[in-house]
C-alpha atoms as a PDB file:
ATOM      1  CA  MET A   1      25.817 -18.895   8.952  1.00  0.00           C
ATOM      2  CA  GLU A   2      27.220 -20.464  11.928  1.00  0.00           C
ATOM      3  CA  LEU A   3      27.696 -18.513  15.352  1.00  0.00           C
ATOM      4  CA  LYS A   4      29.379 -19.480  18.456  1.00  0.00           C
ATOM      5  CA  THR A   5      27.626 -18.919  21.696  1.00  0.00           C
ATOM      6  CA  LYS A   6      29.256 -17.885  24.876  1.00  0.00           C
ATOM      7  CA  HIS A   7      29.334 -21.534  25.958  1.00  0.00           C
ATOM      8  CA  GLY A   8      31.372 -22.528  22.604  1.00  0.00           C
ATOM      9  CA  TYR A   9      28.523 -24.223  20.887  1.00  0.00           C
ATOM     10  CA  ASN A  10      28.014 -23.669  17.111  1.00  0.00           C
ATOM     11  CA  VAL A  11      24.611 -22.448  16.215  1.00  0.00           C
ATOM     12  CA  VAL A  12      23.296 -22.416  12.827  1.00  0.00           C
ATOM     13  CA  LYS A  13      21.231 -19.170  12.205  1.00  0.00           C
ATOM     14  CA  LYS A  14      18.621 -19.560   9.350  1.00  0.00           C
ATOM     15  CA  TYR A  15      17.392 -16.375   7.628  1.00  0.00           C
ATOM     16  CA  MET A  16      13.865 -17.200   6.858  1.00  0.00           C
ATOM     17  CA  VAL A  17      11.372 -14.585   5.809  1.00  0.00           C
ATOM     18  CA  SER A  18       7.755 -14.388   6.405  1.00  0.00           C
ATOM     19  CA  LYS A  19       5.001 -14.610   3.826  1.00  0.00           C
ATOM     20  CA  ASP A  20       4.574 -10.747   3.736  1.00  0.00           C
ATOM     21  CA  GLN A  21       8.377 -10.145   3.239  1.00  0.00           C
ATOM     22  CA  ALA A  22       8.397 -12.622   0.336  1.00  0.00           C
ATOM     23  CA  ILE A  23       5.324 -10.933  -1.200  1.00  0.00           C
ATOM     24  CA  GLY A  24       7.110  -7.538  -0.645  1.00  0.00           C
ATOM     25  CA  GLY A  25      10.319  -9.022  -2.228  1.00  0.00           C
ATOM     26  CA  VAL A  26       8.466 -10.139  -5.169  1.00  0.00           C
ATOM     27  CA  ILE A  27       6.646  -6.579  -5.550  1.00  0.00           C
ATOM     28  CA  PHE A  28       9.877  -4.847  -5.348  1.00  0.00           C
ATOM     29  CA  LEU A  29      11.504  -7.073  -8.033  1.00  0.00           C
ATOM     30  CA  VAL A  30       8.493  -6.599 -10.361  1.00  0.00           C
ATOM     31  CA  CYS A  31       8.382  -2.859  -9.905  1.00  0.00           C
ATOM     32  CA  ALA A  32      12.364  -2.619 -10.588  1.00  0.00           C
ATOM     33  CA  VAL A  33      11.963  -4.739 -13.720  1.00  0.00           C
ATOM     34  CA  VAL A  34       9.265  -2.463 -14.846  1.00  0.00           C
ATOM     35  CA  VAL A  35      11.244   0.713 -13.987  1.00  0.00           C
ATOM     36  CA  ILE A  36      14.145  -0.543 -15.887  1.00  0.00           C
ATOM     37  CA  GLY A  37      12.261  -1.516 -19.057  1.00  0.00           C
ATOM     38  CA  TYR A  38      10.299   1.654 -18.889  1.00  0.00           C
ATOM     39  CA  LEU A  39      13.321   3.893 -18.703  1.00  0.00           C
ATOM     40  CA  ALA A  40      15.143   1.919 -21.317  1.00  0.00           C
ATOM     41  CA  THR A  41      12.307   2.233 -23.755  1.00  0.00           C
ATOM     42  CA  LEU A  42      11.809   5.846 -23.001  1.00  0.00           C
ATOM     43  CA  ILE A  43      15.518   6.543 -23.561  1.00  0.00           C
ATOM     44  CA  TYR A  44      15.942   4.082 -26.552  1.00  0.00           C
ATOM     45  CA  PRO A  45      12.608   3.274 -28.028  1.00  0.00           C
ATOM     46  CA  GLN A  46      14.303   1.714 -31.185  1.00  0.00           C
ATOM     47  CA  TRP A  47      14.684  -1.685 -29.371  1.00  0.00           C
ATOM     48  CA  LEU A  48      10.847  -2.013 -29.408  1.00  0.00           C
ATOM     49  CA  TYR A  49      10.702  -1.379 -32.939  1.00  0.00           C
ATOM     50  CA  ASP A  50      13.293  -3.995 -33.623  1.00  0.00           C
ATOM     51  CA  PHE A  51      11.531  -6.427 -31.276  1.00  0.00           C
ATOM     52  CA  ALA A  52       7.814  -5.973 -32.060  1.00  0.00           C
ATOM     53  CA  LYS A  53       7.878  -3.541 -35.095  1.00  0.00           C
ATOM     54  CA  ILE A  54       6.199  -0.764 -33.259  1.00  0.00           C
ATOM     55  CA  SER A  55       6.948   2.788 -34.429  1.00  0.00           C
ATOM     56  CA  GLU A  56       8.991   5.025 -32.318  1.00  0.00           C
ATOM     57  CA  PHE A  57       6.198   7.670 -32.365  1.00  0.00           C
ATOM     58  CA  ASP A  58       3.770   4.867 -31.188  1.00  0.00           C
ATOM     59  CA  THR A  59       6.087   3.784 -28.559  1.00  0.00           C
ATOM     60  CA  ARG A  60       6.555   7.173 -27.022  1.00  0.00           C
ATOM     61  CA  PHE A  61       2.881   8.019 -27.312  1.00  0.00           C
ATOM     62  CA  TRP A  62       2.111   4.842 -25.272  1.00  0.00           C
ATOM     63  CA  LEU A  63       4.799   5.117 -22.821  1.00  0.00           C
ATOM     64  CA  ILE A  64       3.170   8.526 -21.785  1.00  0.00           C
ATOM     65  CA  ALA A  65      -0.544   7.525 -22.354  1.00  0.00           C
ATOM     66  CA  ILE A  66      -0.487   4.323 -20.207  1.00  0.00           C
ATOM     67  CA  PRO A  67       0.929   5.936 -17.000  1.00  0.00           C
ATOM     68  CA  VAL A  68      -1.446   8.846 -17.287  1.00  0.00           C
ATOM     69  CA  VAL A  69      -4.560   6.590 -17.781  1.00  0.00           C
ATOM     70  CA  ILE A  70      -3.506   4.346 -14.942  1.00  0.00           C
ATOM     71  CA  ALA A  71      -2.931   7.398 -12.540  1.00  0.00           C
ATOM     72  CA  PHE A  72      -6.341   8.867 -13.751  1.00  0.00           C
ATOM     73  CA  ILE A  73      -8.203   5.698 -12.961  1.00  0.00           C
ATOM     74  CA  ALA A  74      -6.301   5.423  -9.635  1.00  0.00           C
ATOM     75  CA  VAL A  75      -7.392   8.930  -8.616  1.00  0.00           C
ATOM     76  CA  LEU A  76     -10.922   8.107  -9.657  1.00  0.00           C
ATOM     77  CA  CYS A  77     -10.935   4.899  -7.778  1.00  0.00           C
ATOM     78  CA  ILE A  78      -9.625   6.555  -4.582  1.00  0.00           C
ATOM     79  CA  GLY A  79     -12.406   9.223  -5.073  1.00  0.00           C
ATOM     80  CA  ALA A  80     -15.178   6.521  -5.469  1.00  0.00           C
ATOM     81  CA  TRP A  81     -13.883   4.699  -2.280  1.00  0.00           C
ATOM     82  CA  ILE A  82     -13.849   7.899  -0.292  1.00  0.00           C
ATOM     83  CA  GLY A  83     -17.413   8.662  -1.497  1.00  0.00           C
ATOM     84  CA  TRP A  84     -18.627   5.172  -0.983  1.00  0.00           C
ATOM     85  CA  THR A  85     -17.327   5.137   2.617  1.00  0.00           C
ATOM     86  CA  MET A  86     -18.867   8.632   3.293  1.00  0.00           C
ATOM     87  CA  ALA A  87     -22.113   7.304   1.854  1.00  0.00           C
ATOM     88  CA  THR A  88     -22.368   4.040   3.763  1.00  0.00           C
ATOM     89  CA  THR A  89     -20.863   5.102   7.241  1.00  0.00           C
ATOM     90  CA  PRO A  90     -23.663   5.984   9.718  1.00  0.00           C
ATOM     91  CA  PRO A  91     -23.510   9.580  11.066  1.00  0.00           C
ATOM     92  CA  PRO A  92     -21.968  10.022  14.498  1.00  0.00           C
ATOM     93  CA  LYS A  93     -24.114  10.586  17.583  1.00  0.00           C
ATOM     94  CA  PRO A  94     -24.864  14.180  18.369  1.00  0.00           C
ATOM     95  CA  ILE A  95     -22.651  15.651  21.111  1.00  0.00           C
ATOM     96  CA  GLU A  96     -25.458  16.363  23.318  1.00  0.00           C
ATOM     97  CA  GLU A  97     -26.169  12.517  23.532  1.00  0.00           C
ATOM     98  CA  ILE A  98     -22.651  11.734  24.248  1.00  0.00           C
ATOM     99  CA  GLU A  99     -22.443  14.285  27.015  1.00  0.00           C
ATOM    100  CA  ALA A 100     -25.558  13.158  28.508  1.00  0.00           C
ATOM    101  CA  GLU A 101     -24.280   9.435  28.497  1.00  0.00           C
ATOM    102  CA  GLU A 102     -20.845  10.647  30.028  1.00  0.00           C
ATOM    103  CA  LYS A 103     -22.940  12.610  32.950  1.00  0.00           C
ATOM    104  CA  GLU A 104     -25.008   9.339  33.632  1.00  0.00           C
ATOM    105  CA  GLU A 105     -21.716   7.242  33.746  1.00  0.00           C
ATOM    106  CA  GLU A 106     -20.292   9.837  36.145  1.00  0.00           C
ATOM    107  CA  LYS A 107     -23.436   9.734  38.279  1.00  0.00           C
ATOM    108  CA  LYS A 108     -23.047   5.927  38.490  1.00  0.00           C
ATOM    109  CA  GLU A 109     -19.401   6.093  39.366  1.00  0.00           C
ATOM    110  CA  THR A 110     -20.055   8.478  42.194  1.00  0.00           C
ATOM    111  CA  LYS A 111     -22.792   6.318  43.531  1.00  0.00           C
ATOM    112  CA  LYS A 112     -20.544   3.418  43.535  1.00  0.00           C
ATOM    113  CA  GLU A 113     -17.816   5.279  45.261  1.00  0.00           C
ATOM    114  CA  LYS A 114     -20.073   6.665  47.990  1.00  0.00           C
ATOM    115  CA  GLU A 115     -21.347   3.030  48.667  1.00  0.00           C
END
């Protein structure tokens, strides 16, 4: 794409994407293809029978079972991660200690201001 500056120069503007944007684009395309394939198979499971000789009942069963299993495992993994984080995070300082430290800092600041 060529642009003209206010001084009349032609400038070629390149549209480069960052690595994160490229990965995001790939993830988007893969998800779009999976959604289209999933919906096509859910609506017309006969194509899978013609392609792989899988019965319509088995196709519909697995179309429901696989996302349910993935969601169930995802929920369990999130729960395990929360539990692990809670188990390995040290407890916070008691409020009394924090208040005592703040009072000491205030005393030091007031001494510095007086000097």
